[in-house]
Amino acid sequence: MRCPEASELMSLRLDSALAEGDEQALREHLAGCESCVAQWQMIQRVDALFAQVDLAPPPPAFAQQVMGKIQRRSLGLSIVRHGLLLLLGLIILSALTLGPLLAPQSPLATLLHSPSIINALVTALVRLVDILRTLLRAIGLVWGAILSSPCWIVLLGCTLSVGLLALLWLRLVARPAQPVTQRGS
């Protein structure tokens, strides 16, 4: 047995996960290798030091913070998953809608055989996808900044207050005009 293999077996021995045959091989190796004996003694001393130390308890809100991050991450993944399903549905719906229009005898099909029109449509589609991707990333950044801030509840309250005031203002300003009644003729 070589020393690196013995080192692995030493770790397994400390964890009480060493098979009987491997334990015998480790004992035989330790009987003839002074450097591994020194390493084994050092490992045992370190293990004894750690066995005497109590584990530090996590901070009081640690579990809540971890669970909050997990919930936010799963919410984000859920939003992405639903967004992709919506996109797939739109693609299928578009294919079903455009299918009859692209039949060989339709005027649209003859128009789409022009390379310049196809190039313009592909360029427009690529730009649209790029704009949508940028918007989604911006929305994600804003949401991440809002949710990572400890004051997001205050921000939400202010936003709701502004929205309610705007609705109240619209209701006051946009009242329907009262019909003018003519007085006696």
C-alpha atoms as a PDB file:
ATOM      1  CA  MET A   1       0.000   0.000   0.000  1.00  0.00           C
ATOM      2  CA  ARG A   2       1.189   3.499  -0.817  1.00  0.00           C
ATOM      3  CA  CYS A   3       1.058   6.468   1.519  1.00  0.00           C
ATOM      4  CA  PRO A   4      -1.755   8.365  -0.362  1.00  0.00           C
ATOM      5  CA  GLU A   5      -3.968   5.267  -0.116  1.00  0.00           C
ATOM      6  CA  ALA A   6      -3.130   4.971   3.588  1.00  0.00           C
ATOM      7  CA  SER A   7      -4.059   8.629   4.076  1.00  0.00           C
ATOM      8  CA  GLU A   8      -7.504   7.974   2.585  1.00  0.00           C
ATOM      9  CA  LEU A   9      -7.940   4.933   4.803  1.00  0.00           C
ATOM     10  CA  MET A  10      -6.986   7.023   7.855  1.00  0.00           C
ATOM     11  CA  SER A  11      -9.807   9.449   7.100  1.00  0.00           C
ATOM     12  CA  LEU A  12     -12.251   6.584   6.674  1.00  0.00           C
ATOM     13  CA  ARG A  13     -11.014   5.059   9.959  1.00  0.00           C
ATOM     14  CA  LEU A  14     -11.782   8.282  11.821  1.00  0.00           C
ATOM     15  CA  ASP A  15     -15.301   8.245  10.392  1.00  0.00           C
ATOM     16  CA  SER A  16     -15.708   4.564  11.359  1.00  0.00           C
ATOM     17  CA  ALA A  17     -16.383   3.749   7.730  1.00  0.00           C
ATOM     18  CA  LEU A  18     -13.446   1.423   7.103  1.00  0.00           C
ATOM     19  CA  ALA A  19     -13.969  -2.192   6.077  1.00  0.00           C
ATOM     20  CA  GLU A  20     -12.223  -4.892   8.173  1.00  0.00           C
ATOM     21  CA  GLY A  21      -9.820  -5.869   5.371  1.00  0.00           C
ATOM     22  CA  ASP A  22      -8.846  -2.262   4.773  1.00  0.00           C
ATOM     23  CA  GLU A  23      -8.311  -1.720   8.492  1.00  0.00           C
ATOM     24  CA  GLN A  24      -5.886  -4.643   8.611  1.00  0.00           C
ATOM     25  CA  ALA A  25      -4.032  -3.259   5.563  1.00  0.00           C
ATOM     26  CA  LEU A  26      -3.834   0.148   7.250  1.00  0.00           C
ATOM     27  CA  ARG A  27      -2.386  -1.387  10.440  1.00  0.00           C
ATOM     28  CA  GLU A  28       0.232  -3.251   8.410  1.00  0.00           C
ATOM     29  CA  HIS A  29       1.174  -0.068   6.539  1.00  0.00           C
ATOM     30  CA  LEU A  30       1.427   1.939   9.763  1.00  0.00           C
ATOM     31  CA  ALA A  31       3.694  -0.735  11.239  1.00  0.00           C
ATOM     32  CA  GLY A  32       6.271  -0.060   8.530  1.00  0.00           C
ATOM     33  CA  CYS A  33       5.879   3.656   7.627  1.00  0.00           C
ATOM     34  CA  GLU A  34       7.032   6.284  10.116  1.00  0.00           C
ATOM     35  CA  SER A  35       5.694   9.279   8.133  1.00  0.00           C
ATOM     36  CA  CYS A  36       2.206   7.743   8.023  1.00  0.00           C
ATOM     37  CA  VAL A  37       2.389   7.005  11.766  1.00  0.00           C
ATOM     38  CA  ALA A  38       3.216  10.683  12.385  1.00  0.00           C
ATOM     39  CA  GLN A  39       0.366  11.748  10.106  1.00  0.00           C
ATOM     40  CA  TRP A  40      -2.032   9.321  11.859  1.00  0.00           C
ATOM     41  CA  GLN A  41      -1.077  10.698  15.284  1.00  0.00           C
ATOM     42  CA  MET A  42      -1.566  14.272  14.069  1.00  0.00           C
ATOM     43  CA  ILE A  43      -4.962  13.430  12.574  1.00  0.00           C
ATOM     44  CA  GLN A  44      -6.020  11.802  15.848  1.00  0.00           C
ATOM     45  CA  ARG A  45      -4.906  14.870  17.857  1.00  0.00           C
ATOM     46  CA  VAL A  46      -6.856  17.224  15.568  1.00  0.00           C
ATOM     47  CA  ASP A  47      -9.894  14.966  15.764  1.00  0.00           C
ATOM     48  CA  ALA A  48      -9.662  14.961  19.560  1.00  0.00           C
ATOM     49  CA  LEU A  49      -9.479  18.783  19.570  1.00  0.00           C
ATOM     50  CA  PHE A  50     -12.596  19.092  17.450  1.00  0.00           C
ATOM     51  CA  ALA A  51     -14.424  16.458  19.476  1.00  0.00           C
ATOM     52  CA  GLN A  52     -14.077  18.667  22.582  1.00  0.00           C
ATOM     53  CA  VAL A  53     -15.488  21.793  20.919  1.00  0.00           C
ATOM     54  CA  ASP A  54     -19.219  22.413  20.860  1.00  0.00           C
ATOM     55  CA  LEU A  55     -20.622  23.399  17.515  1.00  0.00           C
ATOM     56  CA  ALA A  56     -21.573  27.051  17.267  1.00  0.00           C
ATOM     57  CA  PRO A  57     -25.301  27.538  16.795  1.00  0.00           C
ATOM     58  CA  PRO A  58     -26.358  29.382  13.651  1.00  0.00           C
ATOM     59  CA  PRO A  59     -27.530  32.984  13.945  1.00  0.00           C
ATOM     60  CA  PRO A  60     -31.165  33.295  15.083  1.00  0.00           C
ATOM     61  CA  ALA A  61     -32.640  34.241  11.700  1.00  0.00           C
ATOM     62  CA  PHE A  62     -30.346  32.036   9.628  1.00  0.00           C
ATOM     63  CA  ALA A  63     -32.958  29.407   8.775  1.00  0.00           C
ATOM     64  CA  GLN A  64     -35.485  32.092   7.798  1.00  0.00           C
ATOM     65  CA  GLN A  65     -32.924  33.816   5.578  1.00  0.00           C
ATOM     66  CA  VAL A  66     -31.992  30.565   3.851  1.00  0.00           C
ATOM     67  CA  MET A  67     -35.622  29.589   3.349  1.00  0.00           C
ATOM     68  CA  GLY A  68     -36.398  33.079   2.035  1.00  0.00           C
ATOM     69  CA  LYS A  69     -33.610  32.801  -0.521  1.00  0.00           C
ATOM     70  CA  ILE A  70     -34.805  29.345  -1.534  1.00  0.00           C
ATOM     71  CA  GLN A  71     -38.367  30.608  -1.943  1.00  0.00           C
ATOM     72  CA  ARG A  72     -37.219  33.616  -3.995  1.00  0.00           C
ATOM     73  CA  ARG A  73     -35.107  31.373  -6.183  1.00  0.00           C
ATOM     74  CA  SER A  74     -37.928  28.886  -6.708  1.00  0.00           C
ATOM     75  CA  LEU A  75     -40.298  31.781  -7.431  1.00  0.00           C
ATOM     76  CA  GLY A  76     -37.849  33.082 -10.035  1.00  0.00           C
ATOM     77  CA  LEU A  77     -37.521  29.635 -11.578  1.00  0.00           C
ATOM     78  CA  SER A  78     -41.298  29.297 -11.592  1.00  0.00           C
ATOM     79  CA  ILE A  79     -41.646  32.636 -13.370  1.00  0.00           C
ATOM     80  CA  VAL A  80     -39.041  31.618 -15.948  1.00  0.00           C
ATOM     81  CA  ARG A  81     -40.731  28.241 -16.432  1.00  0.00           C
ATOM     82  CA  HIS A  82     -44.157  29.849 -16.898  1.00  0.00           C
ATOM     83  CA  GLY A  83     -42.668  32.459 -19.211  1.00  0.00           C
ATOM     84  CA  LEU A  84     -41.101  29.760 -21.352  1.00  0.00           C
ATOM     85  CA  LEU A  85     -44.398  27.867 -21.458  1.00  0.00           C
ATOM     86  CA  LEU A  86     -46.152  31.071 -22.508  1.00  0.00           C
ATOM     87  CA  LEU A  87     -43.531  31.651 -25.204  1.00  0.00           C
ATOM     88  CA  LEU A  88     -43.907  28.082 -26.429  1.00  0.00           C
ATOM     89  CA  GLY A  89     -47.689  28.517 -26.533  1.00  0.00           C
ATOM     90  CA  LEU A  90     -47.317  31.739 -28.508  1.00  0.00           C
ATOM     91  CA  ILE A  91     -44.971  30.044 -30.961  1.00  0.00           C
ATOM     92  CA  ILE A  92     -47.409  27.169 -31.449  1.00  0.00           C
ATOM     93  CA  LEU A  93     -50.334  29.569 -31.814  1.00  0.00           C
ATOM     94  CA  SER A  94     -48.358  31.651 -34.307  1.00  0.00           C
ATOM     95  CA  ALA A  95     -47.470  28.547 -36.297  1.00  0.00           C
ATOM     96  CA  LEU A  96     -51.091  27.443 -36.369  1.00  0.00           C
ATOM     97  CA  THR A  97     -52.241  30.924 -37.373  1.00  0.00           C
ATOM     98  CA  LEU A  98     -49.568  31.563 -39.987  1.00  0.00           C
ATOM     99  CA  GLY A  99     -49.693  28.035 -41.419  1.00  0.00           C
ATOM    100  CA  PRO A 100     -52.629  28.642 -43.754  1.00  0.00           C
ATOM    101  CA  LEU A 101     -51.265  32.053 -44.723  1.00  0.00           C
ATOM    102  CA  LEU A 102     -47.976  30.502 -45.800  1.00  0.00           C
ATOM    103  CA  ALA A 103     -49.568  27.918 -48.068  1.00  0.00           C
ATOM    104  CA  PRO A 104     -47.853  27.834 -51.498  1.00  0.00           C
ATOM    105  CA  GLN A 105     -50.733  29.540 -53.299  1.00  0.00           C
ATOM    106  CA  SER A 106     -51.227  32.397 -50.823  1.00  0.00           C
ATOM    107  CA  PRO A 107     -49.988  35.896 -51.736  1.00  0.00           C
ATOM    108  CA  LEU A 108     -48.084  36.109 -48.479  1.00  0.00           C
ATOM    109  CA  ALA A 109     -46.087  32.990 -49.372  1.00  0.00           C
ATOM    110  CA  THR A 110     -44.992  34.490 -52.695  1.00  0.00           C
ATOM    111  CA  LEU A 111     -44.011  37.688 -50.879  1.00  0.00           C
ATOM    112  CA  LEU A 112     -41.968  35.752 -48.333  1.00  0.00           C
ATOM    113  CA  HIS A 113     -39.869  34.126 -51.056  1.00  0.00           C
ATOM    114  CA  SER A 114     -38.062  37.412 -51.506  1.00  0.00           C
ATOM    115  CA  PRO A 115     -34.648  37.212 -49.761  1.00  0.00           C
ATOM    116  CA  SER A 116     -34.646  40.916 -48.813  1.00  0.00           C
ATOM    117  CA  ILE A 117     -38.027  40.621 -47.058  1.00  0.00           C
ATOM    118  CA  ILE A 118     -36.939  37.468 -45.230  1.00  0.00           C
ATOM    119  CA  ASN A 119     -33.723  39.209 -44.178  1.00  0.00           C
ATOM    120  CA  ALA A 120     -35.688  42.224 -42.889  1.00  0.00           C
ATOM    121  CA  LEU A 121     -38.137  39.984 -40.986  1.00  0.00           C
ATOM    122  CA  VAL A 122     -35.341  37.956 -39.391  1.00  0.00           C
ATOM    123  CA  THR A 123     -33.468  41.133 -38.429  1.00  0.00           C
ATOM    124  CA  ALA A 124     -36.622  42.606 -36.908  1.00  0.00           C
ATOM    125  CA  LEU A 125     -37.322  39.370 -35.020  1.00  0.00           C
ATOM    126  CA  VAL A 126     -33.759  39.214 -33.681  1.00  0.00           C
ATOM    127  CA  ARG A 127     -33.979  42.828 -32.527  1.00  0.00           C
ATOM    128  CA  LEU A 128     -37.356  42.206 -30.905  1.00  0.00           C
ATOM    129  CA  VAL A 129     -36.004  39.166 -29.047  1.00  0.00           C
ATOM    130  CA  ASP A 130     -32.942  41.177 -27.971  1.00  0.00           C
ATOM    131  CA  ILE A 131     -35.156  44.002 -26.685  1.00  0.00           C
ATOM    132  CA  LEU A 132     -37.379  41.549 -24.797  1.00  0.00           C
ATOM    133  CA  ARG A 133     -34.350  39.819 -23.280  1.00  0.00           C
ATOM    134  CA  THR A 134     -32.920  43.170 -22.181  1.00  0.00           C
ATOM    135  CA  LEU A 135     -36.256  44.181 -20.668  1.00  0.00           C
ATOM    136  CA  LEU A 136     -36.542  40.895 -18.790  1.00  0.00           C
ATOM    137  CA  ARG A 137     -32.998  41.249 -17.448  1.00  0.00           C
ATOM    138  CA  ALA A 138     -33.749  44.830 -16.365  1.00  0.00           C
ATOM    139  CA  ILE A 139     -36.938  43.725 -14.629  1.00  0.00           C
ATOM    140  CA  GLY A 140     -34.990  40.934 -12.929  1.00  0.00           C
ATOM    141  CA  LEU A 141     -32.330  43.379 -11.752  1.00  0.00           C
ATOM    142  CA  VAL A 142     -34.929  45.801 -10.408  1.00  0.00           C
ATOM    143  CA  TRP A 143     -36.798  43.013  -8.606  1.00  0.00           C
ATOM    144  CA  GLY A 144     -33.541  41.666  -7.217  1.00  0.00           C
ATOM    145  CA  ALA A 145     -32.579  45.110  -5.939  1.00  0.00           C
ATOM    146  CA  ILE A 146     -36.005  45.669  -4.411  1.00  0.00           C
ATOM    147  CA  LEU A 147     -36.199  42.257  -2.745  1.00  0.00           C
ATOM    148  CA  SER A 148     -32.625  42.342  -1.448  1.00  0.00           C
ATOM    149  CA  SER A 149     -33.232  45.681   0.233  1.00  0.00           C
ATOM    150  CA  PRO A 150     -34.446  45.476   3.817  1.00  0.00           C
ATOM    151  CA  CYS A 151     -36.806  48.385   3.111  1.00  0.00           C
ATOM    152  CA  TRP A 152     -38.824  46.730   0.338  1.00  0.00           C
ATOM    153  CA  ILE A 153     -41.988  46.811   2.447  1.00  0.00           C
ATOM    154  CA  VAL A 154     -41.680  50.587   2.828  1.00  0.00           C
ATOM    155  CA  LEU A 155     -41.067  50.897  -0.909  1.00  0.00           C
ATOM    156  CA  LEU A 156     -44.129  48.755  -1.624  1.00  0.00           C
ATOM    157  CA  GLY A 157     -46.221  50.905   0.743  1.00  0.00           C
ATOM    158  CA  CYS A 158     -45.060  54.103  -0.952  1.00  0.00           C
ATOM    159  CA  THR A 159     -45.796  52.655  -4.386  1.00  0.00           C
ATOM    160  CA  LEU A 160     -49.280  51.583  -3.331  1.00  0.00           C
ATOM    161  CA  SER A 161     -49.913  55.014  -1.789  1.00  0.00           C
ATOM    162  CA  VAL A 162     -48.846  56.762  -4.986  1.00  0.00           C
ATOM    163  CA  GLY A 163     -51.032  54.412  -7.033  1.00  0.00           C
ATOM    164  CA  LEU A 164     -54.071  55.032  -4.832  1.00  0.00           C
ATOM    165  CA  LEU A 165     -53.524  58.796  -4.945  1.00  0.00           C
ATOM    166  CA  ALA A 166     -53.221  58.634  -8.749  1.00  0.00           C
ATOM    167  CA  LEU A 167     -56.486  56.687  -8.982  1.00  0.00           C
ATOM    168  CA  LEU A 168     -58.215  59.166  -6.683  1.00  0.00           C
ATOM    169  CA  TRP A 169     -56.897  62.067  -8.744  1.00  0.00           C
ATOM    170  CA  LEU A 170     -58.089  60.417 -11.970  1.00  0.00           C
ATOM    171  CA  ARG A 171     -61.508  59.878 -10.475  1.00  0.00           C
ATOM    172  CA  LEU A 172     -61.763  63.516  -9.438  1.00  0.00           C
ATOM    173  CA  VAL A 173     -60.415  64.955 -12.684  1.00  0.00           C
ATOM    174  CA  ALA A 174     -62.016  62.575 -15.143  1.00  0.00           C
ATOM    175  CA  ARG A 175     -65.590  62.910 -13.921  1.00  0.00           C
ATOM    176  CA  PRO A 176     -68.084  62.839 -16.748  1.00  0.00           C
ATOM    177  CA  ALA A 177     -69.358  66.263 -17.659  1.00  0.00           C
ATOM    178  CA  GLN A 178     -72.810  67.070 -16.351  1.00  0.00           C
ATOM    179  CA  PRO A 179     -75.247  67.696 -19.182  1.00  0.00           C
ATOM    180  CA  VAL A 180     -76.324  71.279 -19.466  1.00  0.00           C
ATOM    181  CA  THR A 181     -80.072  71.621 -19.138  1.00  0.00           C
ATOM    182  CA  GLN A 182     -81.828  74.456 -20.802  1.00  0.00           C
ATOM    183  CA  ARG A 183     -84.014  76.552 -18.610  1.00  0.00           C
ATOM    184  CA  GLY A 184     -87.462  77.498 -19.726  1.00  0.00           C
ATOM    185  CA  SER A 185     -87.736  78.758 -23.281  1.00  0.00           C
END
